Amino acid sequence: MDQWAASLSEEIDVPARALRAYAVADLVMRSQNPACRISWATLAGIGRIESHHGTIGGLRLGEDGRPSRPIIGIPLDGSPGVRAIADSDGGALDGDTRWDRAVGPMQFIPTTWARYAVRANGDGAPPDPQDIDDAALAAARYLCSGGRDLGTGAGWWAAVLAYNNSTEYGQEVFSGADAYARAGTGG
């Protein structure tokens, strides 16, 4: 997998470390929930939009799977175009005790993280939304929830719109995911 990720990384401008996380999440879900049919390319499409694969704003994704600085989104305070979500975790994940903020490379709000978080490497440490491995697997679990089959158009759209209920968002994820999948299969 490391060789595949390193080779594809240069072609599609996605850090190899992120590609490895997306691919592992895909493989785990094939074992845990094969009916979901999620793909690494869908996770990469979401990672591209949410944080440019953990490199937004000049950040670097380390070999440990964490960005060089924590990724913390804007306050979800009800300002124009932003949903209002009052703090749900006492600021534990985002440092904000008034409003929730999306965190990590896959941009989880604390309530969603609490429901789908998982430690990808099984080392017993708490799941970390800043860790691309944990975040990618949690995103896969979230996308697959509710019995969704991402191998169908309707299932894929339902999953992506559950992640962010915006047609434009879904179209951007699709564009990236499609390009990544084509590059990953040599077509």
Protein backbone atom coordinates (compact mmCIF):
# COMPACT_ATOMS: atom_id res chain seq x y z
CA MET A 1 0.00 0.00 0.00
CA ASP A 2 2.85 2.41 0.77
CA GLN A 3 4.23 1.96 -2.76
CA TRP A 4 0.77 2.55 -4.29
CA ALA A 5 0.25 5.68 -2.16
CA ALA A 6 3.70 7.09 -2.93
CA SER A 7 3.29 6.53 -6.66
CA LEU A 8 -0.23 7.92 -6.87
CA SER A 9 0.55 10.83 -4.55
CA GLU A 10 2.77 12.55 -7.08
CA GLU A 11 0.26 12.04 -9.88
CA ILE A 12 -2.77 13.48 -8.06
CA ASP A 13 -1.12 15.88 -5.58
CA VAL A 14 -2.47 14.19 -2.44
CA PRO A 15 -0.04 13.43 0.39
CA ALA A 16 0.85 9.73 0.42
CA ARG A 17 0.10 9.69 4.15
CA ALA A 18 -3.49 10.82 3.46
CA LEU A 19 -3.91 8.31 0.61
CA ARG A 20 -2.81 5.53 2.94
CA ALA A 21 -5.41 6.62 5.54
CA TYR A 22 -8.19 6.72 2.94
CA ALA A 23 -7.23 3.31 1.56
CA VAL A 24 -7.04 1.71 5.02
CA ALA A 25 -10.48 3.12 5.90
CA ASP A 26 -11.81 1.64 2.63
CA LEU A 27 -10.33 -1.77 3.47
CA VAL A 28 -11.63 -1.73 7.05
CA MET A 29 -15.13 -0.91 5.85
CA ARG A 30 -14.97 -3.69 3.23
CA SER A 31 -14.46 -6.05 6.16
CA GLN A 32 -16.82 -4.44 8.70
CA ASN A 33 -19.61 -3.26 6.39
CA PRO A 34 -19.16 -4.71 2.89
CA ALA A 35 -22.65 -3.67 1.79
CA CYS A 36 -21.63 -0.01 2.09
CA ARG A 37 -19.17 -0.12 -0.84
CA ILE A 38 -17.38 3.08 0.14
CA SER A 39 -14.18 3.87 -1.76
CA TRP A 40 -10.91 5.52 -0.85
CA ALA A 41 -11.62 7.97 -3.69
CA THR A 42 -14.82 9.21 -2.03
CA LEU A 43 -12.93 9.77 1.21
CA ALA A 44 -10.21 11.59 -0.74
CA GLY A 45 -12.86 13.74 -2.43
CA ILE A 46 -14.16 14.78 0.98
CA GLY A 47 -10.65 15.27 2.39
CA ARG A 48 -9.84 17.53 -0.55
CA ILE A 49 -12.78 19.84 0.14
CA GLU A 50 -12.56 19.78 3.93
CA SER A 51 -8.85 20.47 4.47
CA HIS A 52 -6.94 19.78 1.29
CA HIS A 53 -5.95 16.47 2.90
CA GLY A 54 -4.64 18.07 6.07
CA THR A 55 -2.51 20.64 4.25
CA ILE A 56 -4.88 23.64 4.20
CA GLY A 57 -3.22 27.00 4.77
CA GLY A 58 0.29 25.64 4.23
CA LEU A 59 0.06 22.91 6.85
CA ARG A 60 2.02 19.70 6.44
CA LEU A 61 0.66 16.24 7.18
CA GLY A 62 3.21 14.38 9.28
CA GLU A 63 4.10 10.71 9.16
CA ASP A 64 2.18 10.37 12.43
CA GLY A 65 -0.96 11.32 10.46
CA ARG A 66 -1.43 14.67 12.17
CA PRO A 67 -1.29 18.12 10.55
CA SER A 68 1.58 20.37 11.61
CA ARG A 69 -0.98 22.46 13.52
CA PRO A 70 -4.50 21.43 14.59
CA ILE A 71 -7.20 22.21 12.04
CA ILE A 72 -10.08 24.04 13.69
CA GLY A 73 -12.87 25.56 11.61
CA ILE A 74 -14.86 28.72 12.03
CA PRO A 75 -17.36 29.12 14.87
CA LEU A 76 -20.72 27.65 13.89
CA ASP A 77 -22.42 30.78 15.20
CA GLY A 78 -25.30 31.33 12.79
CA SER A 79 -23.57 34.07 10.82
CA PRO A 80 -24.60 34.31 7.12
CA GLY A 81 -24.25 30.92 5.44
CA VAL A 82 -23.29 29.19 8.69
CA ARG A 83 -25.53 26.99 10.81
CA ALA A 84 -25.68 27.86 14.51
CA ILE A 85 -24.49 24.97 16.69
CA ALA A 86 -23.99 25.78 20.35
CA ASP A 87 -21.02 24.20 22.10
CA SER A 88 -21.64 20.51 22.75
CA ASP A 89 -18.36 19.34 24.27
CA GLY A 90 -17.23 22.08 26.64
CA GLY A 91 -14.62 23.06 24.06
CA ALA A 92 -12.77 19.76 24.46
CA LEU A 93 -12.12 19.25 20.72
CA ASP A 94 -12.25 22.78 19.37
CA GLY A 95 -11.29 25.03 22.30
CA ASP A 96 -14.55 26.97 21.97
CA THR A 97 -17.01 26.84 24.88
CA ARG A 98 -19.63 28.97 23.13
CA TRP A 99 -19.96 27.45 19.63
CA ASP A 100 -19.00 24.17 18.06
CA ARG A 101 -16.38 24.19 15.32
CA ALA A 102 -15.47 21.50 12.82
CA VAL A 103 -12.10 19.94 13.61
CA GLY A 104 -9.41 17.87 11.94
CA PRO A 105 -8.62 16.95 8.35
CA MET A 106 -12.13 15.60 7.77
CA GLN A 107 -13.81 18.50 9.64
CA PHE A 108 -15.99 16.79 12.22
CA ILE A 109 -18.30 18.71 14.50
CA PRO A 110 -17.97 17.42 18.06
CA THR A 111 -21.39 15.69 18.19
CA THR A 112 -20.74 13.75 14.98
CA TRP A 113 -17.23 12.89 16.15
CA ALA A 114 -18.63 11.58 19.45
CA ARG A 115 -20.90 9.21 17.54
CA TYR A 116 -18.54 7.87 14.86
CA ALA A 117 -15.05 8.28 16.35
CA VAL A 118 -12.80 5.25 16.28
CA ARG A 119 -9.10 4.68 16.84
CA ALA A 120 -7.92 3.36 13.49
CA ASN A 121 -4.74 1.65 14.68
CA GLY A 122 -6.37 -0.04 17.68
CA ASP A 123 -3.63 1.02 20.11
CA GLY A 124 -6.12 1.80 22.89
CA ALA A 125 -5.57 5.56 22.81
CA PRO A 126 -8.65 7.75 22.46
CA PRO A 127 -9.72 8.56 18.89
CA ASP A 128 -8.26 11.85 17.66
CA PRO A 129 -10.07 13.93 15.00
CA GLN A 130 -6.73 15.55 14.09
CA ASP A 131 -5.28 12.14 13.15
CA ILE A 132 -5.98 11.46 9.46
CA ASP A 133 -6.27 7.70 10.11
CA ASP A 134 -8.92 8.13 12.82
CA ALA A 135 -10.68 10.89 10.88
CA ALA A 136 -10.82 8.92 7.61
CA LEU A 137 -12.19 5.80 9.32
CA ALA A 138 -14.74 7.86 11.29
CA ALA A 139 -15.79 9.57 8.05
CA ALA A 140 -16.24 6.18 6.39
CA ARG A 141 -18.35 4.97 9.32
CA TYR A 142 -20.46 8.12 9.13
CA LEU A 143 -20.94 7.88 5.37
CA CYS A 144 -21.91 4.20 5.67
CA SER A 145 -24.36 4.76 8.53
CA GLY A 146 -28.03 4.11 8.03
CA GLY A 147 -27.41 1.16 5.75
CA ARG A 148 -26.22 3.33 2.85
CA ASP A 149 -24.79 1.65 -0.24
CA LEU A 150 -22.29 4.07 -1.77
CA GLY A 151 -22.02 1.79 -4.79
CA THR A 152 -25.28 3.27 -6.07
CA GLY A 153 -25.79 6.84 -7.22
CA ALA A 154 -28.63 7.43 -4.77
CA GLY A 155 -26.70 5.94 -1.86
CA TRP A 156 -23.56 7.91 -2.68
CA TRP A 157 -25.43 11.21 -2.91
CA ALA A 158 -27.37 10.54 0.29
CA ALA A 159 -24.10 9.86 2.14
CA VAL A 160 -22.26 12.92 0.83
CA LEU A 161 -25.22 15.21 1.43
CA ALA A 162 -25.47 13.86 4.99
CA TYR A 163 -21.85 14.95 5.44
CA ASN A 164 -22.65 18.43 4.14
CA ASN A 165 -26.14 19.21 2.85
CA SER A 166 -25.12 21.27 -0.16
CA THR A 167 -25.50 20.30 -3.80
CA GLU A 168 -22.41 22.35 -4.68
CA TYR A 169 -20.44 20.48 -2.00
CA GLY A 170 -21.62 17.14 -3.39
CA GLN A 171 -20.64 18.15 -6.91
CA GLU A 172 -17.17 19.20 -5.73
CA VAL A 173 -16.68 15.95 -3.83
CA PHE A 174 -17.83 13.99 -6.88
CA SER A 175 -15.46 15.86 -9.17
CA GLY A 176 -12.47 15.13 -6.94
CA ALA A 177 -13.48 11.55 -6.17
CA ASP A 178 -14.02 10.77 -9.85
CA ALA A 179 -10.64 12.20 -10.84
CA TYR A 180 -8.88 10.34 -8.03
CA ALA A 181 -10.56 7.05 -8.88
CA ARG A 182 -9.66 7.37 -12.55
CA ALA A 183 -6.03 8.13 -11.71
CA GLY A 184 -5.92 5.27 -9.18
CA THR A 185 -7.04 2.74 -11.78
CA GLY A 186 -4.87 4.11 -14.53
CA GLY A 187 -7.88 5.32 -16.51
